[in-house]
């Protein structure tokens, strides 16, 4: 068991944990940039920081779950998993 995947948000007043089941895969290239961009997109749409981080966590988790296996090493996420899968 590799344990959960938890992200922590401090909004200036309190800490909030966003936890999902960790997906055991080497295909995680781009997760940090994707998480930050998805959070920023939520904020730009007028969502709160908590809503933005929660949505970003769900999006990145889905993109990891539906990743691409390419060659050897760390492969990419599937940013378009809602529209196209590698199956």
N, C-alpha and C. Protein backbone atom coordinates (compact mmCIF):
# COMPACT_ATOMS: atom_id res chain seq x y z
N UNK A 1 0.85 -1.18 0.00
CA UNK A 1 0.00 0.00 0.00
C UNK A 1 0.89 1.24 0.00
N UNK A 2 0.66 2.13 -0.93
CA UNK A 2 1.48 3.34 -1.05
C UNK A 2 0.89 4.53 -0.32
N UNK A 3 -0.24 4.36 0.34
CA UNK A 3 -0.85 5.43 1.12
C UNK A 3 -1.62 6.42 0.27
N UNK A 4 -2.27 7.37 0.93
CA UNK A 4 -3.10 8.34 0.20
C UNK A 4 -2.25 9.43 -0.45
N UNK A 5 -2.86 10.18 -1.33
CA UNK A 5 -2.24 11.36 -1.94
C UNK A 5 -2.96 12.57 -1.36
N UNK A 6 -2.27 13.34 -0.55
CA UNK A 6 -2.88 14.46 0.15
C UNK A 6 -2.21 15.77 -0.23
N UNK A 7 -3.01 16.75 -0.60
CA UNK A 7 -2.55 18.11 -0.82
C UNK A 7 -3.09 18.96 0.31
N UNK A 8 -2.31 19.95 0.74
CA UNK A 8 -2.67 20.79 1.87
C UNK A 8 -2.81 22.24 1.40
N UNK A 9 -3.91 22.87 1.77
CA UNK A 9 -4.15 24.28 1.47
C UNK A 9 -4.26 25.05 2.78
N UNK A 10 -3.52 26.14 2.88
CA UNK A 10 -3.69 27.09 3.99
C UNK A 10 -4.21 28.37 3.37
N UNK A 11 -5.41 28.77 3.73
CA UNK A 11 -6.05 29.94 3.11
C UNK A 11 -5.84 31.23 3.91
N UNK A 12 -4.91 31.20 4.84
CA UNK A 12 -4.66 32.36 5.68
C UNK A 12 -5.36 32.28 7.02
N UNK A 13 -6.30 31.36 7.12
CA UNK A 13 -7.04 31.18 8.37
C UNK A 13 -7.00 29.75 8.87
N UNK A 14 -7.12 28.80 7.96
CA UNK A 14 -7.14 27.40 8.38
C UNK A 14 -6.53 26.51 7.31
N UNK A 15 -6.14 25.32 7.75
CA UNK A 15 -5.62 24.32 6.84
C UNK A 15 -6.76 23.45 6.33
N UNK A 16 -6.66 23.05 5.10
CA UNK A 16 -7.66 22.15 4.51
C UNK A 16 -6.90 21.05 3.78
N UNK A 17 -7.28 19.80 4.02
CA UNK A 17 -6.65 18.65 3.36
C UNK A 17 -7.53 18.17 2.22
N UNK A 18 -6.90 17.85 1.11
CA UNK A 18 -7.57 17.29 -0.06
C UNK A 18 -6.91 15.93 -0.31
N UNK A 19 -7.62 14.86 0.01
CA UNK A 19 -7.04 13.52 -0.02
C UNK A 19 -7.77 12.62 -0.99
N UNK A 20 -7.00 11.88 -1.78
CA UNK A 20 -7.53 10.85 -2.66
C UNK A 20 -6.66 9.60 -2.52
N UNK A 21 -7.14 8.53 -3.08
CA UNK A 21 -6.34 7.31 -3.11
C UNK A 21 -5.16 7.54 -4.06
N UNK A 22 -3.96 7.19 -3.63
CA UNK A 22 -2.77 7.33 -4.47
C UNK A 22 -2.84 6.30 -5.60
N UNK A 23 -2.49 6.73 -6.79
CA UNK A 23 -2.48 5.86 -7.96
C UNK A 23 -1.03 5.44 -8.20
N UNK A 24 -0.77 4.16 -8.14
CA UNK A 24 0.59 3.63 -8.28
C UNK A 24 0.98 3.58 -9.75
N UNK A 25 1.62 4.63 -10.24
CA UNK A 25 2.04 4.73 -11.63
C UNK A 25 3.26 5.63 -11.73
N UNK A 26 4.16 5.35 -12.67
CA UNK A 26 5.27 6.27 -12.91
C UNK A 26 4.88 7.43 -13.83
N UNK A 27 3.67 7.39 -14.38
CA UNK A 27 3.26 8.37 -15.38
C UNK A 27 2.62 9.59 -14.73
N UNK A 28 3.49 10.41 -14.15
CA UNK A 28 3.04 11.58 -13.42
C UNK A 28 3.73 12.86 -13.89
N UNK A 29 4.38 12.80 -15.05
CA UNK A 29 5.09 13.98 -15.54
C UNK A 29 4.11 15.12 -15.82
N UNK A 30 4.33 16.25 -15.19
CA UNK A 30 3.48 17.42 -15.41
C UNK A 30 2.41 17.64 -14.36
N UNK A 31 2.40 16.85 -13.30
CA UNK A 31 1.33 16.99 -12.31
C UNK A 31 1.35 18.33 -11.60
N UNK A 32 2.52 18.82 -11.24
CA UNK A 32 2.60 20.08 -10.51
C UNK A 32 2.13 21.27 -11.34
N UNK A 33 2.61 21.34 -12.57
CA UNK A 33 2.20 22.43 -13.46
C UNK A 33 0.71 22.35 -13.77
N UNK A 34 0.21 21.15 -13.96
CA UNK A 34 -1.21 20.97 -14.26
C UNK A 34 -2.07 21.37 -13.07
N UNK A 35 -1.65 20.97 -11.87
CA UNK A 35 -2.39 21.33 -10.65
C UNK A 35 -2.44 22.84 -10.47
N UNK A 36 -1.29 23.50 -10.64
CA UNK A 36 -1.23 24.96 -10.49
C UNK A 36 -2.09 25.66 -11.54
N UNK A 37 -2.01 25.19 -12.78
CA UNK A 37 -2.79 25.81 -13.86
C UNK A 37 -4.28 25.62 -13.67
N UNK A 38 -4.67 24.42 -13.24
CA UNK A 38 -6.10 24.16 -13.01
C UNK A 38 -6.62 24.99 -11.84
N UNK A 39 -5.81 25.18 -10.82
CA UNK A 39 -6.20 26.02 -9.69
C UNK A 39 -6.35 27.47 -10.15
N UNK A 40 -5.39 27.96 -10.92
CA UNK A 40 -5.45 29.34 -11.42
C UNK A 40 -6.67 29.54 -12.33
N UNK A 41 -6.99 28.54 -13.13
CA UNK A 41 -8.17 28.63 -14.01
C UNK A 41 -9.45 28.76 -13.19
N UNK A 42 -9.54 28.00 -12.11
CA UNK A 42 -10.71 28.10 -11.23
C UNK A 42 -10.83 29.48 -10.62
N UNK A 43 -9.71 30.03 -10.17
CA UNK A 43 -9.72 31.38 -9.60
C UNK A 43 -10.13 32.42 -10.65
N UNK A 44 -9.62 32.26 -11.87
CA UNK A 44 -9.96 33.19 -12.95
C UNK A 44 -11.45 33.14 -13.30
N UNK A 45 -12.08 31.99 -13.04
CA UNK A 45 -13.51 31.84 -13.30
C UNK A 45 -14.36 32.35 -12.13
N UNK A 46 -13.71 32.85 -11.08
CA UNK A 46 -14.44 33.41 -9.95
C UNK A 46 -14.71 32.43 -8.82
N UNK A 47 -14.13 31.22 -8.89
CA UNK A 47 -14.31 30.26 -7.80
C UNK A 47 -13.44 30.65 -6.62
N UNK A 48 -13.81 30.19 -5.44
CA UNK A 48 -12.99 30.43 -4.25
C UNK A 48 -11.73 29.58 -4.35
N UNK A 49 -10.74 29.88 -3.50
CA UNK A 49 -9.51 29.09 -3.51
C UNK A 49 -9.81 27.63 -3.15
N UNK A 50 -10.70 27.40 -2.20
CA UNK A 50 -11.04 26.02 -1.83
C UNK A 50 -11.72 25.29 -2.98
N UNK A 51 -12.66 25.94 -3.65
CA UNK A 51 -13.33 25.31 -4.80
C UNK A 51 -12.34 25.04 -5.92
N UNK A 52 -11.43 25.99 -6.15
CA UNK A 52 -10.45 25.85 -7.22
C UNK A 52 -9.49 24.70 -6.96
N UNK A 53 -8.99 24.60 -5.73
CA UNK A 53 -8.07 23.51 -5.39
C UNK A 53 -8.79 22.17 -5.43
N UNK A 54 -10.01 22.11 -4.94
CA UNK A 54 -10.78 20.87 -4.98
C UNK A 54 -11.00 20.39 -6.41
N UNK A 55 -11.38 21.31 -7.29
CA UNK A 55 -11.58 20.95 -8.70
C UNK A 55 -10.27 20.54 -9.35
N UNK A 56 -9.18 21.25 -9.04
CA UNK A 56 -7.87 20.90 -9.59
C UNK A 56 -7.44 19.51 -9.13
N UNK A 57 -7.68 19.20 -7.87
CA UNK A 57 -7.33 17.88 -7.32
C UNK A 57 -8.08 16.79 -8.08
N UNK A 58 -9.36 16.99 -8.31
CA UNK A 58 -10.15 16.01 -9.05
C UNK A 58 -9.68 15.85 -10.48
N UNK A 59 -9.36 16.98 -11.12
CA UNK A 59 -8.91 16.94 -12.51
C UNK A 59 -7.57 16.22 -12.64
N UNK A 60 -6.61 16.57 -11.79
CA UNK A 60 -5.29 15.94 -11.86
C UNK A 60 -5.38 14.46 -11.51
N UNK A 61 -6.20 14.10 -10.54
CA UNK A 61 -6.38 12.69 -10.21
C UNK A 61 -6.92 11.91 -11.40
N UNK A 62 -7.90 12.47 -12.10
CA UNK A 62 -8.42 11.82 -13.30
C UNK A 62 -7.39 11.72 -14.40
N UNK A 63 -6.58 12.76 -14.56
CA UNK A 63 -5.54 12.76 -15.59
C UNK A 63 -4.45 11.74 -15.28
N UNK A 64 -4.14 11.53 -14.00
CA UNK A 64 -3.18 10.50 -13.62
C UNK A 64 -3.79 9.12 -13.83
N UNK A 65 -5.02 8.94 -13.40
CA UNK A 65 -5.70 7.64 -13.52
C UNK A 65 -5.76 7.19 -14.98
N UNK A 66 -5.89 8.12 -15.90
CA UNK A 66 -6.02 7.81 -17.33
C UNK A 66 -4.75 8.18 -18.10
N UNK A 67 -3.59 8.01 -17.47
CA UNK A 67 -2.31 8.42 -18.04
C UNK A 67 -1.94 7.63 -19.29
N UNK A 68 -0.86 8.09 -19.92
CA UNK A 68 -0.32 7.39 -21.09
C UNK A 68 0.95 6.66 -20.70
N UNK A 69 1.07 5.42 -21.14
CA UNK A 69 2.30 4.66 -20.96
C UNK A 69 3.11 4.83 -22.23
N UNK A 70 4.24 5.52 -22.14
CA UNK A 70 5.09 5.77 -23.30
C UNK A 70 6.53 5.44 -22.95
N UNK A 71 7.12 4.54 -23.68
CA UNK A 71 8.52 4.23 -23.46
C UNK A 71 8.80 3.78 -22.04
N UNK A 72 9.96 4.19 -21.53
CA UNK A 72 10.31 3.86 -20.15
C UNK A 72 10.51 5.17 -19.39
N UNK A 73 10.33 5.12 -18.11
CA UNK A 73 10.46 6.33 -17.31
C UNK A 73 9.10 6.93 -17.00
N UNK A 74 9.13 8.19 -16.65
CA UNK A 74 7.90 8.89 -16.25
C UNK A 74 7.17 9.42 -17.48
N UNK A 75 5.99 8.88 -17.72
CA UNK A 75 5.18 9.31 -18.84
C UNK A 75 4.26 10.45 -18.44
N UNK A 76 3.51 10.98 -19.41
CA UNK A 76 2.66 12.14 -19.16
C UNK A 76 1.28 11.78 -18.63
N UNK A 77 0.63 12.79 -18.10
CA UNK A 77 -0.78 12.70 -17.75
C UNK A 77 -1.60 12.67 -19.03
N UNK A 78 -2.87 12.39 -18.90
CA UNK A 78 -3.79 12.50 -20.03
C UNK A 78 -4.71 13.69 -19.74
N UNK A 79 -4.31 14.86 -20.21
CA UNK A 79 -5.08 16.08 -19.94
C UNK A 79 -6.47 16.06 -20.57
N UNK A 80 -6.67 15.21 -21.56
CA UNK A 80 -7.94 15.16 -22.28
C UNK A 80 -8.75 13.91 -21.93
N UNK A 81 -8.52 13.35 -20.75
CA UNK A 81 -9.13 12.07 -20.38
C UNK A 81 -10.65 12.09 -20.42
N UNK A 82 -11.27 13.24 -20.23
CA UNK A 82 -12.74 13.30 -20.27
C UNK A 82 -13.27 13.14 -21.68
N UNK A 83 -12.42 13.36 -22.66
CA UNK A 83 -12.84 13.32 -24.07
C UNK A 83 -12.20 12.19 -24.86
N UNK A 84 -11.02 11.72 -24.40
CA UNK A 84 -10.28 10.73 -25.16
C UNK A 84 -9.41 9.91 -24.22
N UNK A 85 -9.50 8.60 -24.30
CA UNK A 85 -8.67 7.73 -23.47
C UNK A 85 -7.74 6.93 -24.35
N UNK A 86 -6.73 6.35 -23.73
CA UNK A 86 -5.74 5.57 -24.48
C UNK A 86 -6.20 4.14 -24.71
N UNK A 87 -7.37 3.76 -24.21
CA UNK A 87 -7.88 2.38 -24.39
C UNK A 87 -8.26 2.10 -25.82
